[in-house]
Amino acid sequence: MSIDPRGIDAARAIQIVRDHFADFDTAQPGWLPLPDGRVGLDDLRVVAANAEGKFSQDEAQAAQFLLDSKAARSLLDVGAGRGDVDGTISREDADGAWTSVQSGELDQRLLDTAAGLGGADGAVGREDIAAARQDIAIPQTLKDALGRLPDDLPAQTQVQAALAMHRNAGDAQALDQLGTLTDSPAFRGLNEDQQKQALALFGYDTAVSQAARGKLDGIDLGDSGALRKFLLTEARPTDLWRDAAPDSGVADSRRKPYEISGPDSVDYEFPSGTEPDKSVKEPALKYTVHVDGREIEVIVPAGDAREDGKSYPSVDQIAKGLAAQPSPSIAATDKVVVNPHTPKETDEHGNVVDSGADMYASGGAFYVNPHGADNPRAQKDFDFTFMHETAHLVEQPSGPFGLPLEWNLAVQKDQLFSTHYADDRYVPDGGTAVDRDLGIDPGEDFAEAYMTYHLVKGTPDEAQMRALMPERFAILDRMFG
């Protein structure tokens, strides 16, 4: 039986192996074929030949594709991210390779071990580039870009530049902007890590990169200091991502199932709008949101309070916001309180002022403060802000020296902030580098990174955000991966 592998690509071949791993695992004939958790070349040959017709057309086609593509076969071989290419594929490898497809890292991972040498270390060698130029799994636009690598840039910068050109092959304006960037004195004056970071920001075909490229005209590309400062304090990729997100927030397919029961009438002690640390008992309605095995109370003002000219979220908006949270956030949340008052606090001068908080978390409770009727919250406000605020409630990393030092060291290495809200705690006004003082409280930066990590994980935007903040994502992987 002759199989033409050209009807599929690497992503589809990986998906087929992952979804039908047991068929590939027991492919070799025998009176009692038993799974050994490994798929080797002999298994692939049996599936591709399909002499007894027991495999599907998709399985046979995927097997032949992998036999013909060393790059795709090697990616699967080290899909779990451990060890060197050894000719066998485990179920964990198949799962890991599929994760690279979902997260937008497929092309980078294909290049990484295209020659069938070494492991998944992110370093693309000359042998890999030579092998990739001949491999059927490598898209033609990437092959063309690899053929135009500028010799005067570091090797890994060249590879990242080629990937950026490939991603934007159909966008003439983006290609022109990327060419201007990589040829500029500002870019050439960056070190290799900074060049890689700049290409991660400007070089994807995402809303973040499109918005970032729109800011290139405002950067002095004759001055590497100006470009470094932009990357550190003005790039703000999560802000760009969030601005581009629809008002509907997280896709419904990514929300956990939920149910709402109630309401029950209760009297509730709401934080008062008259003075700090005071409360006022008022009629309220108590609902219960059932999500992810948890029962979370939702308290909302009742009766006349809801006719006071303020904007109150619906209980369904709150429930949907909870359903968008990762399990650690849900586990750390006991209740959500919609407060009809704006709480007061005492400022540094002893004056009683409005807290100014939009939403905040404390002691397992999440508080939603009032908005004006002319400024109702969109669903994404609940999805995203819940995630930021619950980050203050979850168990945070505690490495050998505790969270503050470990996290701040990661911030120093990443030298880029996801949002403006994070950067002003680390960079002095007008500064171009992270303050060397590691005594800074990392709580808000942790919350912003936690939100970013969970919002993009498993989406095509993950690869870009991971490339921009690799050190912080590594800590979050250890915690939640």
Protein backbone atom coordinates (compact mmCIF):
# COMPACT_ATOMS: atom_id res chain seq x y z
CA MET A 1 0.00 0.00 0.00
CA SER A 2 1.58 3.29 -1.11
CA ILE A 3 1.00 6.29 1.18
CA ASP A 4 1.62 9.86 0.08
CA PRO A 5 2.58 11.84 3.22
CA ARG A 6 2.13 15.20 1.53
CA GLY A 7 -1.54 15.32 2.46
CA ILE A 8 -0.65 16.22 6.07
CA ASP A 9 1.86 18.34 7.92
CA ALA A 10 3.93 17.94 11.08
CA ALA A 11 1.19 19.21 13.39
CA ARG A 12 -1.32 16.71 12.05
CA ALA A 13 1.15 13.82 12.16
CA ILE A 14 1.95 14.60 15.81
CA GLN A 15 -1.74 14.78 16.68
CA ILE A 16 -2.44 11.40 15.07
CA VAL A 17 0.38 9.69 16.96
CA ARG A 18 -0.77 11.26 20.23
CA ASP A 19 -4.43 10.39 19.73
CA HIS A 20 -3.74 6.81 18.60
CA PHE A 21 -0.57 6.08 20.54
CA ALA A 22 -1.68 2.57 21.54
CA ASP A 23 -2.02 1.54 17.88
CA PHE A 24 1.52 2.69 17.11
CA ASP A 25 2.87 1.20 20.35
CA THR A 26 1.66 -2.32 19.46
CA ALA A 27 2.19 -2.09 15.71
CA GLN A 28 4.80 -4.82 15.35
CA PRO A 29 3.10 -8.19 14.68
CA GLY A 30 3.12 -10.97 17.23
CA TRP A 31 0.80 -13.55 18.70
CA LEU A 32 0.28 -11.31 21.75
CA PRO A 33 1.26 -7.71 20.97
CA LEU A 34 1.82 -5.96 24.27
CA PRO A 35 2.39 -2.23 24.75
CA ASP A 36 5.86 -1.24 25.92
CA GLY A 37 5.25 2.52 25.98
CA ARG A 38 7.66 3.10 23.08
CA VAL A 39 7.21 3.74 19.37
CA GLY A 40 10.29 3.11 17.26
CA LEU A 41 11.19 3.09 13.59
CA ASP A 42 10.03 -0.50 13.17
CA ASP A 43 6.60 0.41 14.54
CA LEU A 44 6.36 3.33 12.13
CA ARG A 45 7.32 1.11 9.19
CA VAL A 46 4.64 -1.45 10.07
CA VAL A 47 1.95 1.24 10.36
CA ALA A 48 3.03 2.93 7.12
CA ALA A 49 3.01 -0.35 5.18
CA ASN A 50 -0.34 -1.38 6.73
CA ALA A 51 0.00 -4.80 5.12
CA GLU A 52 -2.93 -6.29 7.01
CA GLY A 53 -5.13 -3.19 6.71
CA LYS A 54 -5.62 -2.85 10.47
CA PHE A 55 -4.55 0.78 10.66
CA SER A 56 -6.52 3.79 9.47
CA GLN A 57 -5.51 5.84 6.46
CA ASP A 58 -4.62 8.72 8.80
CA GLU A 59 -2.35 6.50 10.90
CA ALA A 60 -0.55 5.10 7.87
CA GLN A 61 -0.10 8.57 6.41
CA ALA A 62 1.26 9.97 9.68
CA ALA A 63 3.71 7.08 10.01
CA GLN A 64 5.03 7.60 6.49
CA PHE A 65 5.36 11.34 7.10
CA LEU A 66 7.47 10.67 10.18
CA LEU A 67 9.63 8.17 8.32
CA ASP A 68 10.25 10.81 5.65
CA SER A 69 10.83 13.70 8.08
CA LYS A 70 13.74 13.45 10.49
CA ALA A 71 12.81 16.85 11.90
CA ALA A 72 9.26 15.84 12.88
CA ARG A 73 10.39 12.42 14.08
CA SER A 74 13.14 13.97 16.22
CA LEU A 75 10.75 16.51 17.69
CA LEU A 76 8.48 13.66 18.79
CA ASP A 77 11.48 11.71 20.06
CA VAL A 78 12.34 14.44 22.59
CA GLY A 79 8.83 15.84 22.95
CA ALA A 80 8.89 15.48 26.74
CA GLY A 81 11.93 17.80 26.85
CA ARG A 82 14.33 15.25 28.34
CA GLY A 83 17.25 13.28 26.94
CA ASP A 84 18.70 13.18 23.44
CA VAL A 85 17.22 11.80 20.24
CA ASP A 86 17.40 8.00 20.63
CA GLY A 87 14.95 6.61 18.08
CA THR A 88 12.01 5.97 20.41
CA ILE A 89 8.87 7.96 21.18
CA SER A 90 7.05 7.64 24.51
CA ARG A 91 3.49 8.65 25.28
CA GLU A 92 4.90 11.52 27.31
CA ASP A 93 6.92 12.57 24.26
CA ALA A 94 3.78 12.55 22.14
CA ASP A 95 1.92 14.66 24.70
CA GLY A 96 4.80 17.12 24.95
CA ALA A 97 5.11 17.44 21.18
CA TRP A 98 1.39 18.15 20.90
CA THR A 99 1.74 20.84 23.57
CA SER A 100 4.36 22.53 21.38
CA VAL A 101 1.83 22.59 18.54
CA GLN A 102 -0.89 24.14 20.70
CA SER A 103 1.43 26.74 22.22
CA GLY A 104 2.77 27.99 18.89
CA GLU A 105 6.29 26.59 19.33
CA LEU A 106 6.18 23.96 16.59
CA ASP A 107 8.51 25.60 14.06
CA GLN A 108 11.13 26.43 16.72
CA ARG A 109 10.98 22.88 18.05
CA LEU A 110 11.26 21.39 14.56
CA LEU A 111 14.48 23.32 13.98
CA ASP A 112 15.89 22.47 17.40
CA THR A 113 16.65 18.81 16.59
CA ALA A 114 16.13 18.80 12.82
CA ALA A 115 19.39 16.90 12.28
CA GLY A 116 18.44 14.22 14.82
CA LEU A 117 21.20 15.30 17.19
CA GLY A 118 21.12 16.28 20.85
CA GLY A 119 18.07 17.22 22.85
CA ALA A 120 15.43 19.92 23.16
CA ASP A 121 17.71 22.67 24.40
CA GLY A 122 16.56 25.52 22.15
CA ALA A 123 19.94 25.81 20.40
CA VAL A 124 19.77 25.37 16.62
CA GLY A 125 23.08 24.27 15.10
CA ARG A 126 24.43 24.43 11.57
CA GLU A 127 23.61 20.74 11.09
CA ASP A 128 20.02 21.45 12.09
CA ILE A 129 19.74 24.30 9.59
CA ALA A 130 21.22 22.21 6.79
CA ALA A 131 18.85 19.32 7.56
CA ALA A 132 15.83 21.62 7.86
CA ARG A 133 16.38 23.00 4.35
CA GLN A 134 15.74 19.53 2.96
CA ASP A 135 13.00 18.29 5.30
CA ILE A 136 9.34 17.98 4.27
CA ALA A 137 8.12 19.11 7.72
CA ILE A 138 9.70 22.56 7.36
CA PRO A 139 7.40 25.08 5.62
CA GLN A 140 8.81 26.55 2.43
CA THR A 141 8.64 30.10 3.77
CA LEU A 142 10.87 29.07 6.68
CA LYS A 143 13.29 27.32 4.32
CA ASP A 144 13.45 30.52 2.25
CA ALA A 145 14.08 32.61 5.38
CA LEU A 146 16.83 30.24 6.54
CA GLY A 147 18.49 30.75 3.16
CA ARG A 148 18.71 34.49 3.78
CA LEU A 149 20.33 34.48 7.22
CA PRO A 150 22.61 37.51 7.74
CA ASP A 151 26.11 36.29 8.57
CA ASP A 152 26.97 39.25 10.81
CA LEU A 153 24.43 38.37 13.52
CA PRO A 154 24.90 35.72 16.24
CA ALA A 155 23.76 32.28 15.15
CA GLN A 156 20.70 32.06 17.43
CA THR A 157 19.66 35.61 16.52
CA GLN A 158 19.81 34.55 12.87
CA VAL A 159 17.49 31.64 13.58
CA GLN A 160 15.02 33.82 15.49
CA ALA A 161 15.09 36.39 12.66
CA ALA A 162 14.32 33.63 10.15
CA LEU A 163 11.40 32.41 12.27
CA ALA A 164 10.07 35.98 12.51
CA MET A 165 10.25 36.40 8.72
CA HIS A 166 8.53 33.03 8.23
CA ARG A 167 5.67 33.87 10.60
CA ASN A 168 5.00 37.10 8.73
CA ALA A 169 5.73 35.87 5.22
CA GLY A 170 2.33 37.05 3.95
CA ASP A 171 2.59 40.56 5.46
CA ALA A 172 4.76 42.87 3.36
CA GLN A 173 4.59 45.70 5.89
CA ALA A 174 5.65 43.45 8.77
CA LEU A 175 8.57 42.09 6.73
CA ASP A 176 9.69 45.63 5.92
CA GLN A 177 9.47 46.65 9.59
CA LEU A 178 11.40 43.57 10.73
CA GLY A 179 14.07 44.21 8.11
CA THR A 180 14.43 47.82 9.28
CA LEU A 181 14.68 46.65 12.89
CA THR A 182 17.30 43.94 12.39
CA ASP A 183 19.44 46.18 10.17
CA SER A 184 19.38 49.08 12.66
CA PRO A 185 22.30 50.18 14.85
CA ALA A 186 19.96 49.95 17.86
CA PHE A 187 19.30 46.24 17.26
CA ARG A 188 22.94 45.48 16.40
CA GLY A 189 23.98 47.15 19.66
CA LEU A 190 21.93 44.76 21.80
CA ASN A 191 23.46 41.62 23.26
CA GLU A 192 22.26 38.26 21.97
CA ASP A 193 19.62 37.76 24.68
CA GLN A 194 18.22 41.24 24.08
CA GLN A 195 18.11 40.65 20.32
CA LYS A 196 16.18 37.44 20.88
CA GLN A 197 13.78 39.31 23.16
CA ALA A 198 13.24 42.08 20.58
CA LEU A 199 12.42 39.48 17.92
CA ALA A 200 10.05 37.76 20.34
CA LEU A 201 8.22 41.05 20.82
CA PHE A 202 8.11 42.32 17.24
CA GLY A 203 8.41 39.09 15.26
CA TYR A 204 5.21 37.08 15.84
CA ASP A 205 2.01 37.23 13.81
CA THR A 206 -0.02 38.08 16.92
CA ALA A 207 -1.99 41.09 18.11
CA VAL A 208 0.88 41.84 20.51
CA SER A 209 3.48 42.00 17.74
CA GLN A 210 1.20 43.98 15.44
CA ALA A 211 0.68 46.58 18.17
CA ALA A 212 4.38 46.60 19.08
CA ARG A 213 5.43 47.10 15.46
CA GLY A 214 3.09 50.08 15.37
CA LYS A 215 5.34 51.71 18.00
CA LEU A 216 8.61 51.20 16.06
CA ASP A 217 8.43 54.63 14.41
CA GLY A 218 8.57 56.20 17.87
CA ILE A 219 11.84 54.45 18.82
CA ASP A 220 15.23 55.91 17.89
CA LEU A 221 16.66 52.90 16.03
CA GLY A 222 20.02 54.61 15.93
CA ASP A 223 20.35 54.24 19.71
CA SER A 224 20.48 50.81 21.36
CA GLY A 225 19.79 52.45 24.73
CA ALA A 226 16.44 53.71 23.45
CA LEU A 227 15.50 50.24 22.25
CA ARG A 228 16.58 48.64 25.54
CA LYS A 229 14.48 51.13 27.51
CA PHE A 230 11.47 50.45 25.29
CA LEU A 231 11.79 46.70 25.81
CA LEU A 232 12.11 47.12 29.57
CA THR A 233 9.45 49.65 30.44
CA GLU A 234 7.28 50.40 27.40
CA ALA A 235 6.75 47.12 25.54
CA ARG A 236 4.22 45.74 28.07
CA PRO A 237 3.09 42.74 26.01
CA THR A 238 0.30 41.67 28.39
CA ASP A 239 -1.17 45.18 28.25
CA LEU A 240 -1.12 44.93 24.45
CA TRP A 241 -2.64 41.44 24.57
CA ARG A 242 -5.35 42.50 27.00
CA ASP A 243 -6.22 45.60 24.96
CA ALA A 244 -6.74 43.40 21.90
CA ALA A 245 -8.85 40.82 23.76
CA PRO A 246 -12.59 40.92 23.09
CA ASP A 247 -14.90 42.26 25.80
CA SER A 248 -16.27 38.71 26.10
CA GLY A 249 -12.94 37.74 27.71
CA VAL A 250 -11.78 34.14 27.93
CA ALA A 251 -13.26 31.86 25.28
CA ASP A 252 -16.20 29.89 26.69
CA SER A 253 -14.48 26.67 25.62
CA ARG A 254 -11.74 27.44 28.16
CA ARG A 255 -14.12 27.98 31.07
CA LYS A 256 -14.89 25.26 33.57
CA PRO A 257 -18.50 24.07 33.85
CA TYR A 258 -20.43 25.91 36.56
CA GLU A 259 -23.88 26.15 38.16
CA ILE A 260 -25.53 28.88 40.21
CA SER A 261 -27.92 28.21 43.08
CA GLY A 262 -29.90 30.63 45.24
CA PRO A 263 -30.49 33.33 46.12
CA ASP A 264 -31.07 33.42 49.87
CA SER A 265 -31.88 36.70 51.62
CA VAL A 266 -29.32 37.66 54.26
CA ASP A 267 -28.02 40.68 56.16
CA TYR A 268 -24.35 41.23 55.33
CA GLU A 269 -21.63 43.38 56.89
CA PHE A 270 -20.32 45.34 53.88
CA PRO A 271 -17.08 47.32 54.22
CA SER A 272 -18.35 50.84 54.86
CA GLY A 273 -17.87 53.88 52.67
CA THR A 274 -17.67 56.20 55.68
CA GLU A 275 -14.40 55.41 57.47
CA PRO A 276 -11.59 52.82 57.43
CA ASP A 277 -12.05 49.39 58.98
CA LYS A 278 -15.77 49.89 59.52
CA SER A 279 -18.71 47.98 58.10
CA VAL A 280 -22.42 48.42 57.74
CA LYS A 281 -25.06 45.67 57.85
CA GLU A 282 -27.42 45.84 54.88
CA PRO A 283 -29.87 43.50 53.09
CA ALA A 284 -28.14 41.25 50.58
CA LEU A 285 -28.68 38.21 48.39
CA LYS A 286 -26.43 35.17 48.73
CA TYR A 287 -25.86 32.92 45.73
CA THR A 288 -23.63 29.86 45.48
CA VAL A 289 -21.46 29.16 42.44
CA HIS A 290 -20.58 25.48 42.02
CA VAL A 291 -17.36 25.19 40.01
CA ASP A 292 -14.34 22.87 39.93
CA GLY A 293 -15.61 20.92 42.94
CA ARG A 294 -15.97 24.08 45.04
CA GLU A 295 -18.93 26.02 46.42
CA ILE A 296 -18.18 29.75 46.36
CA GLU A 297 -20.53 32.26 47.98
CA VAL A 298 -21.46 35.34 45.97
CA ILE A 299 -22.90 38.22 47.99
CA VAL A 300 -24.67 41.08 46.17
CA PRO A 301 -26.61 44.05 47.56
CA ALA A 302 -30.38 43.65 47.53
CA GLY A 303 -33.43 45.87 47.18
CA ASP A 304 -33.09 49.63 46.87
CA ALA A 305 -29.27 49.49 46.90
CA ARG A 306 -29.34 48.27 43.33
CA GLU A 307 -31.21 51.39 42.21
CA ASP A 308 -28.53 53.80 43.42
CA GLY A 309 -27.15 54.77 40.02
CA LYS A 310 -24.13 52.47 40.29
CA SER A 311 -23.09 49.70 37.94
CA TYR A 312 -23.37 46.22 39.45
CA PRO A 313 -22.20 43.01 37.74
CA SER A 314 -24.62 40.19 37.18
CA VAL A 315 -24.14 37.00 39.16
CA ASP A 316 -23.59 35.19 35.87
CA GLN A 317 -20.70 37.56 35.03
CA ILE A 318 -19.10 36.68 38.36
CA ALA A 319 -19.73 32.95 37.87
CA LYS A 320 -18.23 33.06 34.39
CA GLY A 321 -15.23 34.94 35.80
CA LEU A 322 -14.73 32.22 38.40
CA ALA A 323 -15.10 29.53 35.73
CA ALA A 324 -12.25 31.16 33.78
CA GLN A 325 -9.82 30.76 36.69
CA PRO A 326 -7.19 28.03 37.05
CA SER A 327 -7.85 25.50 39.78
CA PRO A 328 -5.36 27.05 42.26
CA SER A 329 -7.28 30.35 42.08
CA ILE A 330 -10.63 28.66 42.61
CA ALA A 331 -9.26 26.63 45.52
CA ALA A 332 -8.06 29.84 47.19
CA THR A 333 -11.40 31.67 46.82
CA ASP A 334 -14.19 31.27 49.38
CA LYS A 335 -16.53 34.07 48.38
CA VAL A 336 -17.06 37.08 46.14
CA VAL A 337 -18.62 40.23 47.60
CA VAL A 338 -20.12 42.96 45.42
CA ASN A 339 -19.88 45.99 47.70
CA PRO A 340 -22.32 48.90 47.23
CA HIS A 341 -19.79 51.23 48.93
CA THR A 342 -16.34 52.49 48.05
CA PRO A 343 -14.23 51.55 51.08
CA LYS A 344 -12.18 54.22 52.79
CA GLU A 345 -8.57 54.01 53.92
CA THR A 346 -6.08 56.19 55.75
CA ASP A 347 -3.32 57.56 53.50
CA GLU A 348 0.30 58.16 54.47
CA HIS A 349 -0.60 61.61 55.80
CA GLY A 350 -3.39 60.33 58.05
CA ASN A 351 -6.18 61.54 55.78
CA VAL A 352 -9.29 59.40 55.15
CA VAL A 353 -9.61 58.84 51.39
CA ASP A 354 -11.31 56.50 48.95
CA SER A 355 -9.31 53.31 48.56
CA GLY A 356 -9.45 53.61 44.77
CA ALA A 357 -9.45 49.83 44.47
CA ASP A 358 -11.49 48.42 41.61
CA MET A 359 -11.39 44.83 42.84
CA TYR A 360 -9.22 43.30 45.53
CA ALA A 361 -8.70 40.00 47.34
CA SER A 362 -8.20 39.44 51.05
CA GLY A 363 -8.33 36.36 53.26
CA GLY A 364 -10.03 34.08 50.75
CA ALA A 365 -12.61 36.72 49.76
CA PHE A 366 -12.76 38.71 46.55
CA TYR A 367 -14.33 42.18 46.67
CA VAL A 368 -15.85 44.04 43.71
CA ASN A 369 -16.21 47.77 44.38
CA PRO A 370 -18.82 49.94 42.66
CA HIS A 371 -18.52 51.53 39.22
CA GLY A 372 -20.55 54.41 37.88
CA ALA A 373 -23.58 53.45 35.79
CA ASP A 374 -21.86 54.97 32.74
CA ASN A 375 -18.88 52.64 33.12
CA PRO A 376 -20.13 49.03 33.35
CA ARG A 377 -17.52 46.29 33.49
CA ALA A 378 -17.04 43.94 30.53
CA GLN A 379 -16.69 40.20 31.09
CA LYS A 380 -12.95 40.33 30.46
CA ASP A 381 -12.58 42.63 33.49
CA PHE A 382 -13.80 39.82 35.72
CA ASP A 383 -11.85 37.09 33.92
CA PHE A 384 -8.54 38.95 34.03
CA THR A 385 -8.78 40.88 37.30
CA PHE A 386 -10.02 37.85 39.23
CA MET A 387 -6.92 36.03 38.03
CA HIS A 388 -4.58 38.83 39.07
CA GLU A 389 -6.16 39.25 42.49
CA THR A 390 -6.43 35.55 43.31
CA ALA A 391 -2.70 35.29 42.59
CA HIS A 392 -2.30 37.06 45.93
CA LEU A 393 -4.22 34.22 47.58
CA VAL A 394 -2.57 31.14 46.05
CA GLU A 395 0.44 29.43 47.55
CA GLN A 396 3.40 31.25 46.06
CA PRO A 397 6.83 29.88 45.16
CA SER A 398 9.34 29.28 47.92
CA GLY A 399 12.70 28.35 46.49
CA PRO A 400 15.88 27.89 48.54
CA PHE A 401 15.85 31.59 49.49
CA GLY A 402 12.09 32.25 49.40
CA LEU A 403 9.85 34.00 46.90
CA PRO A 404 11.19 37.57 46.98
CA LEU A 405 14.80 36.76 46.11
CA GLU A 406 14.01 33.98 43.63
CA TRP A 407 11.36 36.01 41.83
CA ASN A 408 13.37 39.22 41.77
CA LEU A 409 16.38 37.40 40.34
CA ALA A 410 14.10 36.08 37.59
CA VAL A 411 12.88 39.64 36.93
CA GLN A 412 16.47 40.85 36.63
CA LYS A 413 17.24 38.13 34.10
CA ASP A 414 14.08 38.66 32.04
CA GLN A 415 14.51 42.47 31.89
CA LEU A 416 10.99 42.92 30.54
CA PHE A 417 7.62 43.54 32.18
CA SER A 418 4.27 42.22 31.10
CA THR A 419 2.39 45.33 32.25
CA HIS A 420 2.98 48.91 33.36
CA TYR A 421 1.47 48.02 36.72
CA ALA A 422 4.43 45.70 37.33
CA ASP A 423 7.34 47.76 36.04
CA ASP A 424 6.97 50.85 38.23
CA ARG A 425 7.90 48.75 41.26
CA TYR A 426 11.24 47.72 39.81
CA VAL A 427 12.54 50.49 37.56
CA PRO A 428 13.35 53.97 38.88
CA ASP A 429 11.78 56.83 36.91
CA GLY A 430 13.73 57.26 33.69
CA GLY A 431 15.76 54.13 34.36
CA THR A 432 16.91 51.67 31.73
CA ALA A 433 17.53 48.64 33.96
CA VAL A 434 15.94 46.78 36.85
CA ASP A 435 16.96 48.23 40.19
CA ARG A 436 19.69 46.07 41.72
CA ASP A 437 18.03 46.27 45.14
CA LEU A 438 16.41 42.85 45.63
CA GLY A 439 14.37 44.06 48.60
CA ILE A 440 11.41 44.96 46.36
CA ASP A 441 8.11 43.23 47.14
CA PRO A 442 7.45 41.08 44.06
CA GLY A 443 3.77 40.48 44.82
CA GLU A 444 2.26 42.61 42.06
CA ASP A 445 4.70 41.44 39.40
CA PHE A 446 4.00 37.85 40.45
CA ALA A 447 0.26 38.49 40.12
CA GLU A 448 0.64 40.00 36.64
CA ALA A 449 2.86 37.15 35.47
CA TYR A 450 0.53 34.56 37.05
CA MET A 451 -2.39 36.10 35.14
CA THR A 452 -0.43 36.16 31.88
CA TYR A 453 0.75 32.58 32.30
CA HIS A 454 -2.72 31.13 32.81
CA LEU A 455 -4.42 33.28 30.19
CA VAL A 456 -2.08 32.27 27.36
CA LYS A 457 -1.21 28.71 28.38
CA GLY A 458 -2.21 26.23 25.71
CA THR A 459 -2.91 28.98 23.15
CA PRO A 460 -0.88 30.17 20.14
CA ASP A 461 0.13 33.22 22.21
CA GLU A 462 1.98 31.11 24.77
CA ALA A 463 5.20 30.76 22.77
CA GLN A 464 5.58 34.53 22.49
CA MET A 465 4.95 35.29 26.16
CA ARG A 466 7.19 32.42 27.22
CA ALA A 467 10.00 33.76 25.02
CA LEU A 468 9.58 37.24 26.52
CA MET A 469 9.60 36.15 30.18
CA PRO A 470 11.39 32.78 30.24
CA GLU A 471 12.71 32.96 33.81
CA ARG A 472 9.36 33.78 35.39
CA PHE A 473 7.55 31.23 33.24
CA ALA A 474 10.06 28.61 34.43
CA ILE A 475 9.07 29.29 38.06
CA LEU A 476 5.37 29.18 37.16
CA ASP A 477 5.91 25.91 35.28
CA ARG A 478 7.37 24.44 38.43
CA MET A 479 4.36 25.61 40.41
CA PHE A 480 1.49 24.97 38.02
CA GLY A 481 2.80 23.16 34.95
